[in-house]
C-alpha cells in the first residue's frame, strides 16, 4: 500500500493505518 509513495508520505500513511486499526479494531 505504500510502495508507490515517497518515504515521508509512507510514514504518514502507515501511522494512519495503525491509528485506524486501534480506532476500529
PDBML (XML) file of the C-alpha atoms, coordinates in Angstrom:
<?xml version="1.0" encoding="UTF-8" ?>
<PDBx:datablock datablockName="MODEL"
   xmlns:PDBx="http://pdbml.pdb.org/schema/pdbx-v50.xsd"
   xmlns:xsi="http://www.w3.org/2001/XMLSchema-instance"
   xsi:schemaLocation="http://pdbml.pdb.org/schema/pdbx-v50.xsd pdbx-v50.xsd">
   <PDBx:atom_siteCategory>
      <PDBx:atom_site id="1">
         <PDBx:B_iso_or_equiv>0.00</PDBx:B_iso_or_equiv>
         <PDBx:Cartn_x>0.000</PDBx:Cartn_x>
         <PDBx:Cartn_y>0.000</PDBx:Cartn_y>
         <PDBx:Cartn_z>0.000</PDBx:Cartn_z>
         <PDBx:auth_asym_id>A</PDBx:auth_asym_id>
         <PDBx:auth_atom_id>CA</PDBx:auth_atom_id>
         <PDBx:auth_comp_id>UNK</PDBx:auth_comp_id>
         <PDBx:auth_seq_id>1</PDBx:auth_seq_id>
         <PDBx:group_PDB>ATOM</PDBx:group_PDB>
         <PDBx:label_alt_id xsi:nil="true" />
         <PDBx:label_asym_id>A</PDBx:label_asym_id>
         <PDBx:label_atom_id>CA</PDBx:label_atom_id>
         <PDBx:label_comp_id>UNK</PDBx:label_comp_id>
         <PDBx:label_entity_id>1</PDBx:label_entity_id>
         <PDBx:label_seq_id>1</PDBx:label_seq_id>
         <PDBx:occupancy>1.00</PDBx:occupancy>
         <PDBx:pdbx_PDB_model_num>1</PDBx:pdbx_PDB_model_num>
         <PDBx:type_symbol>C</PDBx:type_symbol>
      </PDBx:atom_site>
      <PDBx:atom_site id="2">
         <PDBx:B_iso_or_equiv>0.00</PDBx:B_iso_or_equiv>
         <PDBx:Cartn_x>2.910</PDBx:Cartn_x>
         <PDBx:Cartn_y>2.446</PDBx:Cartn_y>
         <PDBx:Cartn_z>0.347</PDBx:Cartn_z>
         <PDBx:auth_asym_id>A</PDBx:auth_asym_id>
         <PDBx:auth_atom_id>CA</PDBx:auth_atom_id>
         <PDBx:auth_comp_id>UNK</PDBx:auth_comp_id>
         <PDBx:auth_seq_id>2</PDBx:auth_seq_id>
         <PDBx:group_PDB>ATOM</PDBx:group_PDB>
         <PDBx:label_alt_id xsi:nil="true" />
         <PDBx:label_asym_id>A</PDBx:label_asym_id>
         <PDBx:label_atom_id>CA</PDBx:label_atom_id>
         <PDBx:label_comp_id>UNK</PDBx:label_comp_id>
         <PDBx:label_entity_id>1</PDBx:label_entity_id>
         <PDBx:label_seq_id>2</PDBx:label_seq_id>
         <PDBx:occupancy>1.00</PDBx:occupancy>
         <PDBx:pdbx_PDB_model_num>1</PDBx:pdbx_PDB_model_num>
         <PDBx:type_symbol>C</PDBx:type_symbol>
      </PDBx:atom_site>
      <PDBx:atom_site id="3">
         <PDBx:B_iso_or_equiv>0.00</PDBx:B_iso_or_equiv>
         <PDBx:Cartn_x>5.477</PDBx:Cartn_x>
         <PDBx:Cartn_y>1.250</PDBx:Cartn_y>
         <PDBx:Cartn_z>-2.206</PDBx:Cartn_z>
         <PDBx:auth_asym_id>A</PDBx:auth_asym_id>
         <PDBx:auth_atom_id>CA</PDBx:auth_atom_id>
         <PDBx:auth_comp_id>UNK</PDBx:auth_comp_id>
         <PDBx:auth_seq_id>3</PDBx:auth_seq_id>
         <PDBx:group_PDB>ATOM</PDBx:group_PDB>
         <PDBx:label_alt_id xsi:nil="true" />
         <PDBx:label_asym_id>A</PDBx:label_asym_id>
         <PDBx:label_atom_id>CA</PDBx:label_atom_id>
         <PDBx:label_comp_id>UNK</PDBx:label_comp_id>
         <PDBx:label_entity_id>1</PDBx:label_entity_id>
         <PDBx:label_seq_id>3</PDBx:label_seq_id>
         <PDBx:occupancy>1.00</PDBx:occupancy>
         <PDBx:pdbx_PDB_model_num>1</PDBx:pdbx_PDB_model_num>
         <PDBx:type_symbol>C</PDBx:type_symbol>
      </PDBx:atom_site>
      <PDBx:atom_site id="4">
         <PDBx:B_iso_or_equiv>0.00</PDBx:B_iso_or_equiv>
         <PDBx:Cartn_x>4.452</PDBx:Cartn_x>
         <PDBx:Cartn_y>3.901</PDBx:Cartn_y>
         <PDBx:Cartn_z>-4.768</PDBx:Cartn_z>
         <PDBx:auth_asym_id>A</PDBx:auth_asym_id>
         <PDBx:auth_atom_id>CA</PDBx:auth_atom_id>
         <PDBx:auth_comp_id>UNK</PDBx:auth_comp_id>
         <PDBx:auth_seq_id>4</PDBx:auth_seq_id>
         <PDBx:group_PDB>ATOM</PDBx:group_PDB>
         <PDBx:label_alt_id xsi:nil="true" />
         <PDBx:label_asym_id>A</PDBx:label_asym_id>
         <PDBx:label_atom_id>CA</PDBx:label_atom_id>
         <PDBx:label_comp_id>UNK</PDBx:label_comp_id>
         <PDBx:label_entity_id>1</PDBx:label_entity_id>
         <PDBx:label_seq_id>4</PDBx:label_seq_id>
         <PDBx:occupancy>1.00</PDBx:occupancy>
         <PDBx:pdbx_PDB_model_num>1</PDBx:pdbx_PDB_model_num>
         <PDBx:type_symbol>C</PDBx:type_symbol>
      </PDBx:atom_site>
      <PDBx:atom_site id="5">
         <PDBx:B_iso_or_equiv>0.00</PDBx:B_iso_or_equiv>
         <PDBx:Cartn_x>4.759</PDBx:Cartn_x>
         <PDBx:Cartn_y>6.760</PDBx:Cartn_y>
         <PDBx:Cartn_z>-2.270</PDBx:Cartn_z>
         <PDBx:auth_asym_id>A</PDBx:auth_asym_id>
         <PDBx:auth_atom_id>CA</PDBx:auth_atom_id>
         <PDBx:auth_comp_id>UNK</PDBx:auth_comp_id>
         <PDBx:auth_seq_id>5</PDBx:auth_seq_id>
         <PDBx:group_PDB>ATOM</PDBx:group_PDB>
         <PDBx:label_alt_id xsi:nil="true" />
         <PDBx:label_asym_id>A</PDBx:label_asym_id>
         <PDBx:label_atom_id>CA</PDBx:label_atom_id>
         <PDBx:label_comp_id>UNK</PDBx:label_comp_id>
         <PDBx:label_entity_id>1</PDBx:label_entity_id>
         <PDBx:label_seq_id>5</PDBx:label_seq_id>
         <PDBx:occupancy>1.00</PDBx:occupancy>
         <PDBx:pdbx_PDB_model_num>1</PDBx:pdbx_PDB_model_num>
         <PDBx:type_symbol>C</PDBx:type_symbol>
      </PDBx:atom_site>
      <PDBx:atom_site id="6">
         <PDBx:B_iso_or_equiv>0.00</PDBx:B_iso_or_equiv>
         <PDBx:Cartn_x>7.637</PDBx:Cartn_x>
         <PDBx:Cartn_y>8.953</PDBx:Cartn_y>
         <PDBx:Cartn_z>-1.162</PDBx:Cartn_z>
         <PDBx:auth_asym_id>A</PDBx:auth_asym_id>
         <PDBx:auth_atom_id>CA</PDBx:auth_atom_id>
         <PDBx:auth_comp_id>UNK</PDBx:auth_comp_id>
         <PDBx:auth_seq_id>6</PDBx:auth_seq_id>
         <PDBx:group_PDB>ATOM</PDBx:group_PDB>
         <PDBx:label_alt_id xsi:nil="true" />
         <PDBx:label_asym_id>A</PDBx:label_asym_id>
         <PDBx:label_atom_id>CA</PDBx:label_atom_id>
         <PDBx:label_comp_id>UNK</PDBx:label_comp_id>
         <PDBx:label_entity_id>1</PDBx:label_entity_id>
         <PDBx:label_seq_id>6</PDBx:label_seq_id>
         <PDBx:occupancy>1.00</PDBx:occupancy>
         <PDBx:pdbx_PDB_model_num>1</PDBx:pdbx_PDB_model_num>
         <PDBx:type_symbol>C</PDBx:type_symbol>
      </PDBx:atom_site>
      <PDBx:atom_site id="7">
         <PDBx:B_iso_or_equiv>0.00</PDBx:B_iso_or_equiv>
         <PDBx:Cartn_x>9.345</PDBx:Cartn_x>
         <PDBx:Cartn_y>7.880</PDBx:Cartn_y>
         <PDBx:Cartn_z>2.058</PDBx:Cartn_z>
         <PDBx:auth_asym_id>A</PDBx:auth_asym_id>
         <PDBx:auth_atom_id>CA</PDBx:auth_atom_id>
         <PDBx:auth_comp_id>UNK</PDBx:auth_comp_id>
         <PDBx:auth_seq_id>7</PDBx:auth_seq_id>
         <PDBx:group_PDB>ATOM</PDBx:group_PDB>
         <PDBx:label_alt_id xsi:nil="true" />
         <PDBx:label_asym_id>A</PDBx:label_asym_id>
         <PDBx:label_atom_id>CA</PDBx:label_atom_id>
         <PDBx:label_comp_id>UNK</PDBx:label_comp_id>
         <PDBx:label_entity_id>1</PDBx:label_entity_id>
         <PDBx:label_seq_id>7</PDBx:label_seq_id>
         <PDBx:occupancy>1.00</PDBx:occupancy>
         <PDBx:pdbx_PDB_model_num>1</PDBx:pdbx_PDB_model_num>
         <PDBx:type_symbol>C</PDBx:type_symbol>
      </PDBx:atom_site>
      <PDBx:atom_site id="8">
         <PDBx:B_iso_or_equiv>0.00</PDBx:B_iso_or_equiv>
         <PDBx:Cartn_x>7.959</PDBx:Cartn_x>
         <PDBx:Cartn_y>10.788</PDBx:Cartn_y>
         <PDBx:Cartn_z>4.103</PDBx:Cartn_z>
         <PDBx:auth_asym_id>A</PDBx:auth_asym_id>
         <PDBx:auth_atom_id>CA</PDBx:auth_atom_id>
         <PDBx:auth_comp_id>UNK</PDBx:auth_comp_id>
         <PDBx:auth_seq_id>8</PDBx:auth_seq_id>
         <PDBx:group_PDB>ATOM</PDBx:group_PDB>
         <PDBx:label_alt_id xsi:nil="true" />
         <PDBx:label_asym_id>A</PDBx:label_asym_id>
         <PDBx:label_atom_id>CA</PDBx:label_atom_id>
         <PDBx:label_comp_id>UNK</PDBx:label_comp_id>
         <PDBx:label_entity_id>1</PDBx:label_entity_id>
         <PDBx:label_seq_id>8</PDBx:label_seq_id>
         <PDBx:occupancy>1.00</PDBx:occupancy>
         <PDBx:pdbx_PDB_model_num>1</PDBx:pdbx_PDB_model_num>
         <PDBx:type_symbol>C</PDBx:type_symbol>
      </PDBx:atom_site>
      <PDBx:atom_site id="9">
         <PDBx:B_iso_or_equiv>0.00</PDBx:B_iso_or_equiv>
         <PDBx:Cartn_x>4.445</PDBx:Cartn_x>
         <PDBx:Cartn_y>10.096</PDBx:Cartn_y>
         <PDBx:Cartn_z>2.822</PDBx:Cartn_z>
         <PDBx:auth_asym_id>A</PDBx:auth_asym_id>
         <PDBx:auth_atom_id>CA</PDBx:auth_atom_id>
         <PDBx:auth_comp_id>UNK</PDBx:auth_comp_id>
         <PDBx:auth_seq_id>9</PDBx:auth_seq_id>
         <PDBx:group_PDB>ATOM</PDBx:group_PDB>
         <PDBx:label_alt_id xsi:nil="true" />
         <PDBx:label_asym_id>A</PDBx:label_asym_id>
         <PDBx:label_atom_id>CA</PDBx:label_atom_id>
         <PDBx:label_comp_id>UNK</PDBx:label_comp_id>
         <PDBx:label_entity_id>1</PDBx:label_entity_id>
         <PDBx:label_seq_id>9</PDBx:label_seq_id>
         <PDBx:occupancy>1.00</PDBx:occupancy>
         <PDBx:pdbx_PDB_model_num>1</PDBx:pdbx_PDB_model_num>
         <PDBx:type_symbol>C</PDBx:type_symbol>
      </PDBx:atom_site>
      <PDBx:atom_site id="10">
         <PDBx:B_iso_or_equiv>0.00</PDBx:B_iso_or_equiv>
         <PDBx:Cartn_x>4.861</PDBx:Cartn_x>
         <PDBx:Cartn_y>6.376</PDBx:Cartn_y>
         <PDBx:Cartn_z>3.546</PDBx:Cartn_z>
         <PDBx:auth_asym_id>A</PDBx:auth_asym_id>
         <PDBx:auth_atom_id>CA</PDBx:auth_atom_id>
         <PDBx:auth_comp_id>UNK</PDBx:auth_comp_id>
         <PDBx:auth_seq_id>10</PDBx:auth_seq_id>
         <PDBx:group_PDB>ATOM</PDBx:group_PDB>
         <PDBx:label_alt_id xsi:nil="true" />
         <PDBx:label_asym_id>A</PDBx:label_asym_id>
         <PDBx:label_atom_id>CA</PDBx:label_atom_id>
         <PDBx:label_comp_id>UNK</PDBx:label_comp_id>
         <PDBx:label_entity_id>1</PDBx:label_entity_id>
         <PDBx:label_seq_id>10</PDBx:label_seq_id>
         <PDBx:occupancy>1.00</PDBx:occupancy>
         <PDBx:pdbx_PDB_model_num>1</PDBx:pdbx_PDB_model_num>
         <PDBx:type_symbol>C</PDBx:type_symbol>
      </PDBx:atom_site>
      <PDBx:atom_site id="11">
         <PDBx:B_iso_or_equiv>0.00</PDBx:B_iso_or_equiv>
         <PDBx:Cartn_x>5.316</PDBx:Cartn_x>
         <PDBx:Cartn_y>7.146</PDBx:Cartn_y>
         <PDBx:Cartn_z>7.243</PDBx:Cartn_z>
         <PDBx:auth_asym_id>A</PDBx:auth_asym_id>
         <PDBx:auth_atom_id>CA</PDBx:auth_atom_id>
         <PDBx:auth_comp_id>UNK</PDBx:auth_comp_id>
         <PDBx:auth_seq_id>11</PDBx:auth_seq_id>
         <PDBx:group_PDB>ATOM</PDBx:group_PDB>
         <PDBx:label_alt_id xsi:nil="true" />
         <PDBx:label_asym_id>A</PDBx:label_asym_id>
         <PDBx:label_atom_id>CA</PDBx:label_atom_id>
         <PDBx:label_comp_id>UNK</PDBx:label_comp_id>
         <PDBx:label_entity_id>1</PDBx:label_entity_id>
         <PDBx:label_seq_id>11</PDBx:label_seq_id>
         <PDBx:occupancy>1.00</PDBx:occupancy>
         <PDBx:pdbx_PDB_model_num>1</PDBx:pdbx_PDB_model_num>
         <PDBx:type_symbol>C</PDBx:type_symbol>
      </PDBx:atom_site>
      <PDBx:atom_site id="12">
         <PDBx:B_iso_or_equiv>0.00</PDBx:B_iso_or_equiv>
         <PDBx:Cartn_x>2.148</PDBx:Cartn_x>
         <PDBx:Cartn_y>9.259</PDBx:Cartn_y>
         <PDBx:Cartn_z>7.293</PDBx:Cartn_z>
         <PDBx:auth_asym_id>A</PDBx:auth_asym_id>
         <PDBx:auth_atom_id>CA</PDBx:auth_atom_id>
         <PDBx:auth_comp_id>UNK</PDBx:auth_comp_id>
         <PDBx:auth_seq_id>12</PDBx:auth_seq_id>
         <PDBx:group_PDB>ATOM</PDBx:group_PDB>
         <PDBx:label_alt_id xsi:nil="true" />
         <PDBx:label_asym_id>A</PDBx:label_asym_id>
         <PDBx:label_atom_id>CA</PDBx:label_atom_id>
         <PDBx:label_comp_id>UNK</PDBx:label_comp_id>
         <PDBx:label_entity_id>1</PDBx:label_entity_id>
         <PDBx:label_seq_id>12</PDBx:label_seq_id>
         <PDBx:occupancy>1.00</PDBx:occupancy>
         <PDBx:pdbx_PDB_model_num>1</PDBx:pdbx_PDB_model_num>
         <PDBx:type_symbol>C</PDBx:type_symbol>
      </PDBx:atom_site>
      <PDBx:atom_site id="13">
         <PDBx:B_iso_or_equiv>0.00</PDBx:B_iso_or_equiv>
         <PDBx:Cartn_x>0.064</PDBx:Cartn_x>
         <PDBx:Cartn_y>6.520</PDBx:Cartn_y>
         <PDBx:Cartn_z>5.648</PDBx:Cartn_z>
         <PDBx:auth_asym_id>A</PDBx:auth_asym_id>
         <PDBx:auth_atom_id>CA</PDBx:auth_atom_id>
         <PDBx:auth_comp_id>UNK</PDBx:auth_comp_id>
         <PDBx:auth_seq_id>13</PDBx:auth_seq_id>
         <PDBx:group_PDB>ATOM</PDBx:group_PDB>
         <PDBx:label_alt_id xsi:nil="true" />
         <PDBx:label_asym_id>A</PDBx:label_asym_id>
         <PDBx:label_atom_id>CA</PDBx:label_atom_id>
         <PDBx:label_comp_id>UNK</PDBx:label_comp_id>
         <PDBx:label_entity_id>1</PDBx:label_entity_id>
         <PDBx:label_seq_id>13</PDBx:label_seq_id>
         <PDBx:occupancy>1.00</PDBx:occupancy>
         <PDBx:pdbx_PDB_model_num>1</PDBx:pdbx_PDB_model_num>
         <PDBx:type_symbol>C</PDBx:type_symbol>
      </PDBx:atom_site>
      <PDBx:atom_site id="14">
         <PDBx:B_iso_or_equiv>0.00</PDBx:B_iso_or_equiv>
         <PDBx:Cartn_x>1.475</PDBx:Cartn_x>
         <PDBx:Cartn_y>3.801</PDBx:Cartn_y>
         <PDBx:Cartn_z>7.905</PDBx:Cartn_z>
         <PDBx:auth_asym_id>A</PDBx:auth_asym_id>
         <PDBx:auth_atom_id>CA</PDBx:auth_atom_id>
         <PDBx:auth_comp_id>UNK</PDBx:auth_comp_id>
         <PDBx:auth_seq_id>14</PDBx:auth_seq_id>
         <PDBx:group_PDB>ATOM</PDBx:group_PDB>
         <PDBx:label_alt_id xsi:nil="true" />
         <PDBx:label_asym_id>A</PDBx:label_asym_id>
         <PDBx:label_atom_id>CA</PDBx:label_atom_id>
         <PDBx:label_comp_id>UNK</PDBx:label_comp_id>
         <PDBx:label_entity_id>1</PDBx:label_entity_id>
         <PDBx:label_seq_id>14</PDBx:label_seq_id>
         <PDBx:occupancy>1.00</PDBx:occupancy>
         <PDBx:pdbx_PDB_model_num>1</PDBx:pdbx_PDB_model_num>
         <PDBx:type_symbol>C</PDBx:type_symbol>
      </PDBx:atom_site>
      <PDBx:atom_site id="15">
         <PDBx:B_iso_or_equiv>0.00</PDBx:B_iso_or_equiv>
         <PDBx:Cartn_x>0.781</PDBx:Cartn_x>
         <PDBx:Cartn_y>5.862</PDBx:Cartn_y>
         <PDBx:Cartn_z>11.024</PDBx:Cartn_z>
         <PDBx:auth_asym_id>A</PDBx:auth_asym_id>
         <PDBx:auth_atom_id>CA</PDBx:auth_atom_id>
         <PDBx:auth_comp_id>UNK</PDBx:auth_comp_id>
         <PDBx:auth_seq_id>15</PDBx:auth_seq_id>
         <PDBx:group_PDB>ATOM</PDBx:group_PDB>
         <PDBx:label_alt_id xsi:nil="true" />
         <PDBx:label_asym_id>A</PDBx:label_asym_id>
         <PDBx:label_atom_id>CA</PDBx:label_atom_id>
         <PDBx:label_comp_id>UNK</PDBx:label_comp_id>
         <PDBx:label_entity_id>1</PDBx:label_entity_id>
         <PDBx:label_seq_id>15</PDBx:label_seq_id>
         <PDBx:occupancy>1.00</PDBx:occupancy>
         <PDBx:pdbx_PDB_model_num>1</PDBx:pdbx_PDB_model_num>
         <PDBx:type_symbol>C</PDBx:type_symbol>
      </PDBx:atom_site>
      <PDBx:atom_site id="16">
         <PDBx:B_iso_or_equiv>0.00</PDBx:B_iso_or_equiv>
         <PDBx:Cartn_x>-2.735</PDBx:Cartn_x>
         <PDBx:Cartn_y>6.438</PDBx:Cartn_y>
         <PDBx:Cartn_z>9.728</PDBx:Cartn_z>
         <PDBx:auth_asym_id>A</PDBx:auth_asym_id>
         <PDBx:auth_atom_id>CA</PDBx:auth_atom_id>
         <PDBx:auth_comp_id>UNK</PDBx:auth_comp_id>
         <PDBx:auth_seq_id>16</PDBx:auth_seq_id>
         <PDBx:group_PDB>ATOM</PDBx:group_PDB>
         <PDBx:label_alt_id xsi:nil="true" />
         <PDBx:label_asym_id>A</PDBx:label_asym_id>
         <PDBx:label_atom_id>CA</PDBx:label_atom_id>
         <PDBx:label_comp_id>UNK</PDBx:label_comp_id>
         <PDBx:label_entity_id>1</PDBx:label_entity_id>
         <PDBx:label_seq_id>16</PDBx:label_seq_id>
         <PDBx:occupancy>1.00</PDBx:occupancy>
         <PDBx:pdbx_PDB_model_num>1</PDBx:pdbx_PDB_model_num>
         <PDBx:type_symbol>C</PDBx:type_symbol>
      </PDBx:atom_site>
      <PDBx:atom_site id="17">
         <PDBx:B_iso_or_equiv>0.00</PDBx:B_iso_or_equiv>
         <PDBx:Cartn_x>-3.284</PDBx:Cartn_x>
         <PDBx:Cartn_y>2.694</PDBx:Cartn_y>
         <PDBx:Cartn_z>9.235</PDBx:Cartn_z>
         <PDBx:auth_asym_id>A</PDBx:auth_asym_id>
         <PDBx:auth_atom_id>CA</PDBx:auth_atom_id>
         <PDBx:auth_comp_id>UNK</PDBx:auth_comp_id>
         <PDBx:auth_seq_id>17</PDBx:auth_seq_id>
         <PDBx:group_PDB>ATOM</PDBx:group_PDB>
         <PDBx:label_alt_id xsi:nil="true" />
         <PDBx:label_asym_id>A</PDBx:label_asym_id>
         <PDBx:label_atom_id>CA</PDBx:label_atom_id>
         <PDBx:label_comp_id>UNK</PDBx:label_comp_id>
         <PDBx:label_entity_id>1</PDBx:label_entity_id>
         <PDBx:label_seq_id>17</PDBx:label_seq_id>
         <PDBx:occupancy>1.00</PDBx:occupancy>
         <PDBx:pdbx_PDB_model_num>1</PDBx:pdbx_PDB_model_num>
         <PDBx:type_symbol>C</PDBx:type_symbol>
      </PDBx:atom_site>
      <PDBx:atom_site id="18">
         <PDBx:B_iso_or_equiv>0.00</PDBx:B_iso_or_equiv>
         <PDBx:Cartn_x>-2.107</PDBx:Cartn_x>
         <PDBx:Cartn_y>1.970</PDBx:Cartn_y>
         <PDBx:Cartn_z>12.766</PDBx:Cartn_z>
         <PDBx:auth_asym_id>A</PDBx:auth_asym_id>
         <PDBx:auth_atom_id>CA</PDBx:auth_atom_id>
         <PDBx:auth_comp_id>UNK</PDBx:auth_comp_id>
         <PDBx:auth_seq_id>18</PDBx:auth_seq_id>
         <PDBx:group_PDB>ATOM</PDBx:group_PDB>
         <PDBx:label_alt_id xsi:nil="true" />
         <PDBx:label_asym_id>A</PDBx:label_asym_id>
         <PDBx:label_atom_id>CA</PDBx:label_atom_id>
         <PDBx:label_comp_id>UNK</PDBx:label_comp_id>
         <PDBx:label_entity_id>1</PDBx:label_entity_id>
         <PDBx:label_seq_id>18</PDBx:label_seq_id>
         <PDBx:occupancy>1.00</PDBx:occupancy>
         <PDBx:pdbx_PDB_model_num>1</PDBx:pdbx_PDB_model_num>
         <PDBx:type_symbol>C</PDBx:type_symbol>
      </PDBx:atom_site>
      <PDBx:atom_site id="19">
         <PDBx:B_iso_or_equiv>0.00</PDBx:B_iso_or_equiv>
         <PDBx:Cartn_x>-4.401</PDBx:Cartn_x>
         <PDBx:Cartn_y>4.654</PDBx:Cartn_y>
         <PDBx:Cartn_z>14.193</PDBx:Cartn_z>
         <PDBx:auth_asym_id>A</PDBx:auth_asym_id>
         <PDBx:auth_atom_id>CA</PDBx:auth_atom_id>
         <PDBx:auth_comp_id>UNK</PDBx:auth_comp_id>
         <PDBx:auth_seq_id>19</PDBx:auth_seq_id>
         <PDBx:group_PDB>ATOM</PDBx:group_PDB>
         <PDBx:label_alt_id xsi:nil="true" />
         <PDBx:label_asym_id>A</PDBx:label_asym_id>
         <PDBx:label_atom_id>CA</PDBx:label_atom_id>
         <PDBx:label_comp_id>UNK</PDBx:label_comp_id>
         <PDBx:label_entity_id>1</PDBx:label_entity_id>
         <PDBx:label_seq_id>19</PDBx:label_seq_id>
         <PDBx:occupancy>1.00</PDBx:occupancy>
         <PDBx:pdbx_PDB_model_num>1</PDBx:pdbx_PDB_model_num>
         <PDBx:type_symbol>C</PDBx:type_symbol>
      </PDBx:atom_site>
      <PDBx:atom_site id="20">
         <PDBx:B_iso_or_equiv>0.00</PDBx:B_iso_or_equiv>
         <PDBx:Cartn_x>-7.356</PDBx:Cartn_x>
         <PDBx:Cartn_y>3.263</PDBx:Cartn_y>
         <PDBx:Cartn_z>12.242</PDBx:Cartn_z>
         <PDBx:auth_asym_id>A</PDBx:auth_asym_id>
         <PDBx:auth_atom_id>CA</PDBx:auth_atom_id>
         <PDBx:auth_comp_id>UNK</PDBx:auth_comp_id>
         <PDBx:auth_seq_id>20</PDBx:auth_seq_id>
         <PDBx:group_PDB>ATOM</PDBx:group_PDB>
         <PDBx:label_alt_id xsi:nil="true" />
         <PDBx:label_asym_id>A</PDBx:label_asym_id>
         <PDBx:label_atom_id>CA</PDBx:label_atom_id>
         <PDBx:label_comp_id>UNK</PDBx:label_comp_id>
         <PDBx:label_entity_id>1</PDBx:label_entity_id>
         <PDBx:label_seq_id>20</PDBx:label_seq_id>
         <PDBx:occupancy>1.00</PDBx:occupancy>
         <PDBx:pdbx_PDB_model_num>1</PDBx:pdbx_PDB_model_num>
         <PDBx:type_symbol>C</PDBx:type_symbol>
      </PDBx:atom_site>
      <PDBx:atom_site id="21">
         <PDBx:B_iso_or_equiv>0.00</PDBx:B_iso_or_equiv>
         <PDBx:Cartn_x>-6.575</PDBx:Cartn_x>
         <PDBx:Cartn_y>-0.234</PDBx:Cartn_y>
         <PDBx:Cartn_z>13.477</PDBx:Cartn_z>
         <PDBx:auth_asym_id>A</PDBx:auth_asym_id>
         <PDBx:auth_atom_id>CA</PDBx:auth_atom_id>
         <PDBx:auth_comp_id>UNK</PDBx:auth_comp_id>
         <PDBx:auth_seq_id>21</PDBx:auth_seq_id>
         <PDBx:group_PDB>ATOM</PDBx:group_PDB>
         <PDBx:label_alt_id xsi:nil="true" />
         <PDBx:label_asym_id>A</PDBx:label_asym_id>
         <PDBx:label_atom_id>CA</PDBx:label_atom_id>
         <PDBx:label_comp_id>UNK</PDBx:label_comp_id>
         <PDBx:label_entity_id>1</PDBx:label_entity_id>
         <PDBx:label_seq_id>21</PDBx:label_seq_id>
         <PDBx:occupancy>1.00</PDBx:occupancy>
         <PDBx:pdbx_PDB_model_num>1</PDBx:pdbx_PDB_model_num>
         <PDBx:type_symbol>C</PDBx:type_symbol>
      </PDBx:atom_site>
      <PDBx:atom_site id="22">
         <PDBx:B_iso_or_equiv>0.00</PDBx:B_iso_or_equiv>
         <PDBx:Cartn_x>-6.758</PDBx:Cartn_x>
         <PDBx:Cartn_y>0.925</PDBx:Cartn_y>
         <PDBx:Cartn_z>17.084</PDBx:Cartn_z>
         <PDBx:auth_asym_id>A</PDBx:auth_asym_id>
         <PDBx:auth_atom_id>CA</PDBx:auth_atom_id>
         <PDBx:auth_comp_id>UNK</PDBx:auth_comp_id>
         <PDBx:auth_seq_id>22</PDBx:auth_seq_id>
         <PDBx:group_PDB>ATOM</PDBx:group_PDB>
         <PDBx:label_alt_id xsi:nil="true" />
         <PDBx:label_asym_id>A</PDBx:label_asym_id>
         <PDBx:label_atom_id>CA</PDBx:label_atom_id>
         <PDBx:label_comp_id>UNK</PDBx:label_comp_id>
         <PDBx:label_entity_id>1</PDBx:label_entity_id>
         <PDBx:label_seq_id>22</PDBx:label_seq_id>
         <PDBx:occupancy>1.00</PDBx:occupancy>
         <PDBx:pdbx_PDB_model_num>1</PDBx:pdbx_PDB_model_num>
         <PDBx:type_symbol>C</PDBx:type_symbol>
      </PDBx:atom_site>
      <PDBx:atom_site id="23">
         <PDBx:B_iso_or_equiv>0.00</PDBx:B_iso_or_equiv>
         <PDBx:Cartn_x>-9.870</PDBx:Cartn_x>
         <PDBx:Cartn_y>3.027</PDBx:Cartn_y>
         <PDBx:Cartn_z>16.442</PDBx:Cartn_z>
         <PDBx:auth_asym_id>A</PDBx:auth_asym_id>
         <PDBx:auth_atom_id>CA</PDBx:auth_atom_id>
         <PDBx:auth_comp_id>UNK</PDBx:auth_comp_id>
         <PDBx:auth_seq_id>23</PDBx:auth_seq_id>
         <PDBx:group_PDB>ATOM</PDBx:group_PDB>
         <PDBx:label_alt_id xsi:nil="true" />
         <PDBx:label_asym_id>A</PDBx:label_asym_id>
         <PDBx:label_atom_id>CA</PDBx:label_atom_id>
         <PDBx:label_comp_id>UNK</PDBx:label_comp_id>
         <PDBx:label_entity_id>1</PDBx:label_entity_id>
         <PDBx:label_seq_id>23</PDBx:label_seq_id>
         <PDBx:occupancy>1.00</PDBx:occupancy>
         <PDBx:pdbx_PDB_model_num>1</PDBx:pdbx_PDB_model_num>
         <PDBx:type_symbol>C</PDBx:type_symbol>
      </PDBx:atom_site>
      <PDBx:atom_site id="24">
         <PDBx:B_iso_or_equiv>0.00</PDBx:B_iso_or_equiv>
         <PDBx:Cartn_x>-11.913</PDBx:Cartn_x>
         <PDBx:Cartn_y>0.436</PDBx:Cartn_y>
         <PDBx:Cartn_z>14.525</PDBx:Cartn_z>
         <PDBx:auth_asym_id>A</PDBx:auth_asym_id>
         <PDBx:auth_atom_id>CA</PDBx:auth_atom_id>
         <PDBx:auth_comp_id>UNK</PDBx:auth_comp_id>
         <PDBx:auth_seq_id>24</PDBx:auth_seq_id>
         <PDBx:group_PDB>ATOM</PDBx:group_PDB>
         <PDBx:label_alt_id xsi:nil="true" />
         <PDBx:label_asym_id>A</PDBx:label_asym_id>
         <PDBx:label_atom_id>CA</PDBx:label_atom_id>
         <PDBx:label_comp_id>UNK</PDBx:label_comp_id>
         <PDBx:label_entity_id>1</PDBx:label_entity_id>
         <PDBx:label_seq_id>24</PDBx:label_seq_id>
         <PDBx:occupancy>1.00</PDBx:occupancy>
         <PDBx:pdbx_PDB_model_num>1</PDBx:pdbx_PDB_model_num>
         <PDBx:type_symbol>C</PDBx:type_symbol>
      </PDBx:atom_site>
      <PDBx:atom_site id="25">
         <PDBx:B_iso_or_equiv>0.00</PDBx:B_iso_or_equiv>
         <PDBx:Cartn_x>-10.332</PDBx:Cartn_x>
         <PDBx:Cartn_y>-2.859</PDBx:Cartn_y>
         <PDBx:Cartn_z>15.634</PDBx:Cartn_z>
         <PDBx:auth_asym_id>A</PDBx:auth_asym_id>
         <PDBx:auth_atom_id>CA</PDBx:auth_atom_id>
         <PDBx:auth_comp_id>UNK</PDBx:auth_comp_id>
         <PDBx:auth_seq_id>25</PDBx:auth_seq_id>
         <PDBx:group_PDB>ATOM</PDBx:group_PDB>
         <PDBx:label_alt_id xsi:nil="true" />
         <PDBx:label_asym_id>A</PDBx:label_asym_id>
         <PDBx:label_atom_id>CA</PDBx:label_atom_id>
         <PDBx:label_comp_id>UNK</PDBx:label_comp_id>
         <PDBx:label_entity_id>1</PDBx:label_entity_id>
         <PDBx:label_seq_id>25</PDBx:label_seq_id>
         <PDBx:occupancy>1.00</PDBx:occupancy>
         <PDBx:pdbx_PDB_model_num>1</PDBx:pdbx_PDB_model_num>
         <PDBx:type_symbol>C</PDBx:type_symbol>
      </PDBx:atom_site>
   </PDBx:atom_siteCategory>
</PDBx:datablock>
